[in-house]
Amino acid sequence: STLQDEVLVIKLLPQFLNDYDIVHSLADQIHDVVQEHGLCHVAIDMCDVEFVSSLGLIVFVRIHDLDNQVAICNVRNDILRVLEVSRLADPKNPQGGPLQVYKDVDAAVSALRP
């Protein structure tokens, strides 16, 4: 994780969010990092994530439950569709779902910057 303009940027490293242990471990790690930094603006960079199963949605539900302003970026179209169907994101309106969606890290940080 890195800090850019008071926005915590977390890059997801697992390529596949479809394993119970990986998903829960990742959700716990994100929760801990956000709590440790005490920030309320978080951008999740998904450039390396290739697949999200229904189990993988737990990560995004837990991120949303942190009660922070959260944006995701660099999301593959097929993953974005899963998030849209699950009503976690609205790709047509970046701020329309529980998770804001942006093209890249710079756009997410710019939108979240306090």
N, C-alpha and C. Protein backbone atom coordinates (compact mmCIF):
# COMPACT_ATOMS: atom_id res chain seq x y z
N SER A 1 0.84 -1.18 0.00
CA SER A 1 0.00 0.00 0.00
C SER A 1 0.88 1.24 0.00
N THR A 2 0.38 2.29 -0.62
CA THR A 2 1.08 3.57 -0.65
C THR A 2 0.10 4.69 -0.34
N LEU A 3 0.64 5.82 0.03
CA LEU A 3 -0.18 6.98 0.34
C LEU A 3 0.05 8.03 -0.75
N GLN A 4 -1.03 8.44 -1.42
CA GLN A 4 -0.94 9.46 -2.47
C GLN A 4 -1.98 10.53 -2.17
N ASP A 5 -1.52 11.74 -1.90
CA ASP A 5 -2.44 12.87 -1.65
C ASP A 5 -3.51 12.52 -0.61
N GLU A 6 -3.09 11.93 0.48
CA GLU A 6 -3.99 11.55 1.58
C GLU A 6 -5.00 10.47 1.20
N VAL A 7 -4.72 9.75 0.13
CA VAL A 7 -5.55 8.61 -0.27
C VAL A 7 -4.68 7.36 -0.16
N LEU A 8 -5.16 6.37 0.54
CA LEU A 8 -4.45 5.10 0.67
C LEU A 8 -4.71 4.27 -0.59
N VAL A 9 -3.65 3.93 -1.31
CA VAL A 9 -3.77 3.12 -2.53
C VAL A 9 -3.29 1.72 -2.21
N ILE A 10 -4.16 0.75 -2.40
CA ILE A 10 -3.84 -0.66 -2.13
C ILE A 10 -3.91 -1.41 -3.45
N LYS A 11 -2.81 -2.04 -3.81
CA LYS A 11 -2.78 -2.84 -5.04
C LYS A 11 -3.05 -4.30 -4.68
N LEU A 12 -4.10 -4.86 -5.26
CA LEU A 12 -4.43 -6.26 -5.02
C LEU A 12 -3.46 -7.12 -5.83
N LEU A 13 -2.82 -8.06 -5.17
CA LEU A 13 -1.83 -8.90 -5.83
C LEU A 13 -2.35 -10.24 -6.34
N PRO A 14 -3.31 -10.86 -5.67
CA PRO A 14 -3.76 -12.16 -6.20
C PRO A 14 -4.41 -11.97 -7.57
N GLN A 15 -4.05 -12.86 -8.50
CA GLN A 15 -4.67 -12.80 -9.83
C GLN A 15 -6.10 -13.33 -9.81
N PHE A 16 -6.35 -14.27 -8.91
CA PHE A 16 -7.66 -14.93 -8.86
C PHE A 16 -8.24 -14.81 -7.46
N LEU A 17 -9.41 -14.19 -7.37
CA LEU A 17 -10.11 -14.09 -6.09
C LEU A 17 -11.22 -15.13 -6.09
N ASN A 18 -10.82 -16.39 -5.88
CA ASN A 18 -11.80 -17.47 -5.93
C ASN A 18 -11.51 -18.56 -4.91
N ASP A 19 -10.57 -18.34 -4.03
CA ASP A 19 -10.21 -19.33 -3.03
C ASP A 19 -10.57 -18.78 -1.65
N TYR A 20 -11.23 -19.61 -0.84
CA TYR A 20 -11.71 -19.19 0.47
C TYR A 20 -10.60 -18.57 1.31
N ASP A 21 -9.48 -19.25 1.44
CA ASP A 21 -8.39 -18.75 2.29
C ASP A 21 -7.81 -17.45 1.76
N ILE A 22 -7.60 -17.37 0.47
CA ILE A 22 -7.04 -16.15 -0.12
C ILE A 22 -8.00 -14.98 0.06
N VAL A 23 -9.26 -15.19 -0.22
CA VAL A 23 -10.26 -14.13 -0.13
C VAL A 23 -10.36 -13.59 1.29
N HIS A 24 -10.48 -14.48 2.26
CA HIS A 24 -10.63 -14.03 3.64
C HIS A 24 -9.35 -13.40 4.17
N SER A 25 -8.21 -13.95 3.80
CA SER A 25 -6.93 -13.37 4.22
C SER A 25 -6.77 -11.97 3.62
N LEU A 26 -7.10 -11.80 2.35
CA LEU A 26 -6.99 -10.51 1.69
C LEU A 26 -7.93 -9.50 2.33
N ALA A 27 -9.16 -9.89 2.58
CA ALA A 27 -10.12 -8.99 3.22
C ALA A 27 -9.62 -8.55 4.60
N ASP A 28 -9.06 -9.47 5.36
CA ASP A 28 -8.50 -9.14 6.68
C ASP A 28 -7.32 -8.19 6.56
N GLN A 29 -6.44 -8.45 5.59
CA GLN A 29 -5.26 -7.59 5.40
C GLN A 29 -5.66 -6.17 5.01
N ILE A 30 -6.63 -6.05 4.12
CA ILE A 30 -7.09 -4.72 3.71
C ILE A 30 -7.69 -4.00 4.91
N HIS A 31 -8.51 -4.69 5.66
CA HIS A 31 -9.12 -4.11 6.85
C HIS A 31 -8.03 -3.61 7.81
N ASP A 32 -7.02 -4.42 8.05
CA ASP A 32 -5.95 -4.05 8.98
C ASP A 32 -5.16 -2.84 8.49
N VAL A 33 -4.84 -2.81 7.20
CA VAL A 33 -4.07 -1.70 6.64
C VAL A 33 -4.86 -0.40 6.74
N VAL A 34 -6.14 -0.45 6.41
CA VAL A 34 -6.97 0.74 6.47
C VAL A 34 -7.08 1.23 7.91
N GLN A 35 -7.29 0.31 8.84
CA GLN A 35 -7.40 0.69 10.25
C GLN A 35 -6.07 1.26 10.77
N GLU A 36 -4.97 0.66 10.34
CA GLU A 36 -3.64 1.10 10.77
C GLU A 36 -3.37 2.54 10.32
N HIS A 37 -3.75 2.87 9.10
CA HIS A 37 -3.51 4.21 8.58
C HIS A 37 -4.55 5.22 9.06
N GLY A 38 -5.70 4.73 9.48
CA GLY A 38 -6.73 5.62 9.98
C GLY A 38 -7.27 6.58 8.92
N LEU A 39 -7.21 6.17 7.67
CA LEU A 39 -7.68 7.03 6.60
C LEU A 39 -9.07 6.61 6.15
N CYS A 40 -9.80 7.57 5.61
CA CYS A 40 -11.15 7.23 5.16
C CYS A 40 -11.28 7.28 3.65
N HIS A 41 -10.18 7.49 2.92
CA HIS A 41 -10.20 7.50 1.46
C HIS A 41 -9.26 6.40 0.97
N VAL A 42 -9.84 5.41 0.28
CA VAL A 42 -9.07 4.24 -0.12
C VAL A 42 -9.32 3.95 -1.61
N ALA A 43 -8.23 3.77 -2.35
CA ALA A 43 -8.32 3.37 -3.76
C ALA A 43 -7.74 1.96 -3.89
N ILE A 44 -8.50 1.06 -4.47
CA ILE A 44 -8.06 -0.31 -4.68
C ILE A 44 -7.68 -0.50 -6.14
N ASP A 45 -6.39 -0.77 -6.38
CA ASP A 45 -5.89 -0.97 -7.74
C ASP A 45 -5.99 -2.45 -8.09
N MET A 46 -6.79 -2.76 -9.10
CA MET A 46 -7.06 -4.15 -9.47
C MET A 46 -6.38 -4.55 -10.77
N CYS A 47 -5.29 -3.88 -11.14
CA CYS A 47 -4.67 -4.12 -12.45
C CYS A 47 -4.18 -5.55 -12.63
N ASP A 48 -3.85 -6.26 -11.55
CA ASP A 48 -3.35 -7.64 -11.66
C ASP A 48 -4.42 -8.70 -11.44
N VAL A 49 -5.63 -8.27 -11.09
CA VAL A 49 -6.70 -9.24 -10.82
C VAL A 49 -7.35 -9.65 -12.13
N GLU A 50 -7.34 -10.95 -12.40
CA GLU A 50 -7.89 -11.48 -13.65
C GLU A 50 -9.25 -12.14 -13.50
N PHE A 51 -9.58 -12.56 -12.28
CA PHE A 51 -10.84 -13.28 -12.09
C PHE A 51 -11.35 -13.07 -10.67
N VAL A 52 -12.66 -12.84 -10.57
CA VAL A 52 -13.32 -12.73 -9.27
C VAL A 52 -14.54 -13.64 -9.31
N SER A 53 -14.56 -14.63 -8.42
CA SER A 53 -15.73 -15.51 -8.31
C SER A 53 -16.72 -14.88 -7.35
N SER A 54 -17.86 -15.52 -7.19
CA SER A 54 -18.84 -15.01 -6.23
C SER A 54 -18.24 -14.98 -4.83
N LEU A 55 -17.38 -15.93 -4.52
CA LEU A 55 -16.69 -15.93 -3.22
C LEU A 55 -15.79 -14.71 -3.10
N GLY A 56 -15.17 -14.32 -4.20
CA GLY A 56 -14.28 -13.16 -4.19
C GLY A 56 -14.99 -11.85 -3.90
N LEU A 57 -16.31 -11.82 -4.10
CA LEU A 57 -17.07 -10.61 -3.80
C LEU A 57 -17.00 -10.25 -2.33
N ILE A 58 -16.67 -11.22 -1.49
CA ILE A 58 -16.54 -10.96 -0.05
C ILE A 58 -15.54 -9.83 0.20
N VAL A 59 -14.46 -9.81 -0.58
CA VAL A 59 -13.45 -8.77 -0.42
C VAL A 59 -14.09 -7.40 -0.58
N PHE A 60 -14.92 -7.23 -1.60
CA PHE A 60 -15.51 -5.93 -1.89
C PHE A 60 -16.61 -5.57 -0.90
N VAL A 61 -17.35 -6.55 -0.44
CA VAL A 61 -18.35 -6.30 0.59
C VAL A 61 -17.66 -5.84 1.87
N ARG A 62 -16.58 -6.52 2.24
CA ARG A 62 -15.84 -6.14 3.45
C ARG A 62 -15.20 -4.75 3.31
N ILE A 63 -14.71 -4.43 2.11
CA ILE A 63 -14.15 -3.10 1.88
C ILE A 63 -15.24 -2.06 2.06
N HIS A 64 -16.39 -2.31 1.48
CA HIS A 64 -17.50 -1.37 1.60
C HIS A 64 -17.94 -1.23 3.05
N ASP A 65 -17.90 -2.30 3.80
CA ASP A 65 -18.33 -2.28 5.21
C ASP A 65 -17.39 -1.49 6.11
N LEU A 66 -16.22 -1.09 5.60
CA LEU A 66 -15.28 -0.30 6.41
C LEU A 66 -15.80 1.11 6.67
N ASP A 67 -16.88 1.49 6.01
CA ASP A 67 -17.48 2.81 6.17
C ASP A 67 -16.51 3.91 5.76
N ASN A 68 -15.73 3.63 4.73
CA ASN A 68 -14.81 4.60 4.17
C ASN A 68 -15.26 4.93 2.76
N GLN A 69 -14.69 5.99 2.21
CA GLN A 69 -14.92 6.30 0.81
C GLN A 69 -13.95 5.44 0.01
N VAL A 70 -14.47 4.50 -0.78
CA VAL A 70 -13.64 3.53 -1.48
C VAL A 70 -13.87 3.62 -2.99
N ALA A 71 -12.77 3.60 -3.72
CA ALA A 71 -12.83 3.54 -5.17
C ALA A 71 -12.01 2.35 -5.64
N ILE A 72 -12.46 1.73 -6.72
CA ILE A 72 -11.67 0.67 -7.34
C ILE A 72 -11.27 1.16 -8.73
N CYS A 73 -10.12 0.69 -9.19
CA CYS A 73 -9.65 1.17 -10.49
C CYS A 73 -8.88 0.06 -11.21
N ASN A 74 -8.66 0.29 -12.50
CA ASN A 74 -7.99 -0.71 -13.35
C ASN A 74 -8.72 -2.05 -13.31
N VAL A 75 -10.03 -1.99 -13.44
CA VAL A 75 -10.87 -3.19 -13.34
C VAL A 75 -11.15 -3.74 -14.73
N ARG A 76 -10.90 -5.02 -14.91
CA ARG A 76 -11.22 -5.69 -16.19
C ARG A 76 -12.73 -5.64 -16.42
N ASN A 77 -13.13 -5.59 -17.68
CA ASN A 77 -14.56 -5.48 -18.01
C ASN A 77 -15.37 -6.65 -17.47
N ASP A 78 -14.84 -7.88 -17.53
CA ASP A 78 -15.61 -9.02 -17.05
C ASP A 78 -15.80 -8.96 -15.53
N ILE A 79 -14.80 -8.45 -14.82
CA ILE A 79 -14.93 -8.30 -13.36
C ILE A 79 -15.89 -7.17 -13.04
N LEU A 80 -15.81 -6.11 -13.80
CA LEU A 80 -16.72 -4.99 -13.61
C LEU A 80 -18.17 -5.43 -13.79
N ARG A 81 -18.38 -6.32 -14.74
CA ARG A 81 -19.75 -6.84 -14.97
C ARG A 81 -20.23 -7.63 -13.74
N VAL A 82 -19.35 -8.42 -13.13
CA VAL A 82 -19.71 -9.16 -11.91
C VAL A 82 -20.08 -8.19 -10.80
N LEU A 83 -19.30 -7.13 -10.65
CA LEU A 83 -19.57 -6.13 -9.61
C LEU A 83 -20.87 -5.38 -9.90
N GLU A 84 -21.15 -5.17 -11.19
CA GLU A 84 -22.39 -4.50 -11.57
C GLU A 84 -23.60 -5.37 -11.27
N VAL A 85 -23.52 -6.63 -11.65
CA VAL A 85 -24.65 -7.56 -11.41
C VAL A 85 -24.91 -7.72 -9.91
N SER A 86 -23.85 -7.69 -9.13
CA SER A 86 -24.00 -7.83 -7.68
C SER A 86 -24.36 -6.50 -7.01
N ARG A 87 -24.49 -5.46 -7.82
CA ARG A 87 -24.87 -4.12 -7.36
C ARG A 87 -23.85 -3.48 -6.43
N LEU A 88 -22.59 -3.89 -6.57
CA LEU A 88 -21.52 -3.27 -5.80
C LEU A 88 -20.91 -2.09 -6.56
N ALA A 89 -21.13 -2.02 -7.86
CA ALA A 89 -20.58 -0.93 -8.67
C ALA A 89 -21.50 -0.64 -9.84
N ASP A 90 -21.47 0.59 -10.27
CA ASP A 90 -22.23 1.02 -11.44
C ASP A 90 -21.25 1.65 -12.42
N PRO A 91 -20.80 0.90 -13.44
CA PRO A 91 -19.78 1.43 -14.35
C PRO A 91 -20.23 2.65 -15.17
N LYS A 92 -21.52 2.83 -15.30
CA LYS A 92 -22.02 3.99 -16.05
C LYS A 92 -22.01 5.25 -15.21
N ASN A 93 -21.99 5.08 -13.91
CA ASN A 93 -21.98 6.22 -12.98
C ASN A 93 -20.96 5.90 -11.89
N PRO A 94 -19.72 6.41 -12.01
CA PRO A 94 -18.64 6.02 -11.10
C PRO A 94 -19.01 6.13 -9.61
N GLN A 95 -19.87 7.07 -9.27
CA GLN A 95 -20.23 7.23 -7.86
C GLN A 95 -21.62 6.66 -7.56
N GLY A 96 -22.16 5.85 -8.48
CA GLY A 96 -23.52 5.38 -8.35
C GLY A 96 -23.71 4.13 -7.52
N GLY A 97 -22.65 3.38 -7.25
CA GLY A 97 -22.78 2.17 -6.46
C GLY A 97 -22.02 2.30 -5.15
N PRO A 98 -22.07 1.29 -4.33
CA PRO A 98 -21.31 1.32 -3.07
C PRO A 98 -19.81 1.53 -3.30
N LEU A 99 -19.28 0.99 -4.41
CA LEU A 99 -17.87 1.17 -4.75
C LEU A 99 -17.78 2.10 -5.96
N GLN A 100 -16.97 3.13 -5.84
CA GLN A 100 -16.75 4.02 -6.97
C GLN A 100 -15.78 3.34 -7.93
N VAL A 101 -15.97 3.52 -9.22
CA VAL A 101 -15.14 2.86 -10.23
C VAL A 101 -14.46 3.92 -11.10
N TYR A 102 -13.14 3.78 -11.24
CA TYR A 102 -12.37 4.71 -12.07
C TYR A 102 -11.42 3.96 -12.97
N LYS A 103 -11.02 4.63 -14.05
CA LYS A 103 -10.18 4.02 -15.08
C LYS A 103 -8.82 3.62 -14.53
N ASP A 104 -8.19 4.49 -13.74
CA ASP A 104 -6.84 4.22 -13.26
C ASP A 104 -6.63 4.83 -11.88
N VAL A 105 -5.45 4.60 -11.32
CA VAL A 105 -5.14 5.07 -9.96
C VAL A 105 -5.22 6.59 -9.89
N ASP A 106 -4.67 7.28 -10.87
CA ASP A 106 -4.68 8.74 -10.84
C ASP A 106 -6.10 9.30 -10.78
N ALA A 107 -7.00 8.73 -11.57
CA ALA A 107 -8.39 9.19 -11.56
C ALA A 107 -9.06 8.90 -10.22
N ALA A 108 -8.77 7.74 -9.65
CA ALA A 108 -9.36 7.38 -8.35
C ALA A 108 -8.84 8.32 -7.26
N VAL A 109 -7.54 8.54 -7.24
CA VAL A 109 -6.95 9.43 -6.22
C VAL A 109 -7.49 10.84 -6.38
N SER A 110 -7.59 11.31 -7.60
CA SER A 110 -8.11 12.65 -7.85
C SER A 110 -9.55 12.79 -7.34
N ALA A 111 -10.36 11.77 -7.57
CA ALA A 111 -11.76 11.81 -7.13
C ALA A 111 -11.90 11.70 -5.61
N LEU A 112 -10.99 10.98 -4.99
CA LEU A 112 -11.08 10.75 -3.55
C LEU A 112 -10.36 11.79 -2.70
N ARG A 113 -9.46 12.52 -3.32
CA ARG A 113 -8.63 13.48 -2.58
C ARG A 113 -9.51 14.40 -1.76
N PRO A 114 -9.22 14.50 -0.44
CA PRO A 114 -10.04 15.38 0.41
C PRO A 114 -9.87 16.85 0.07
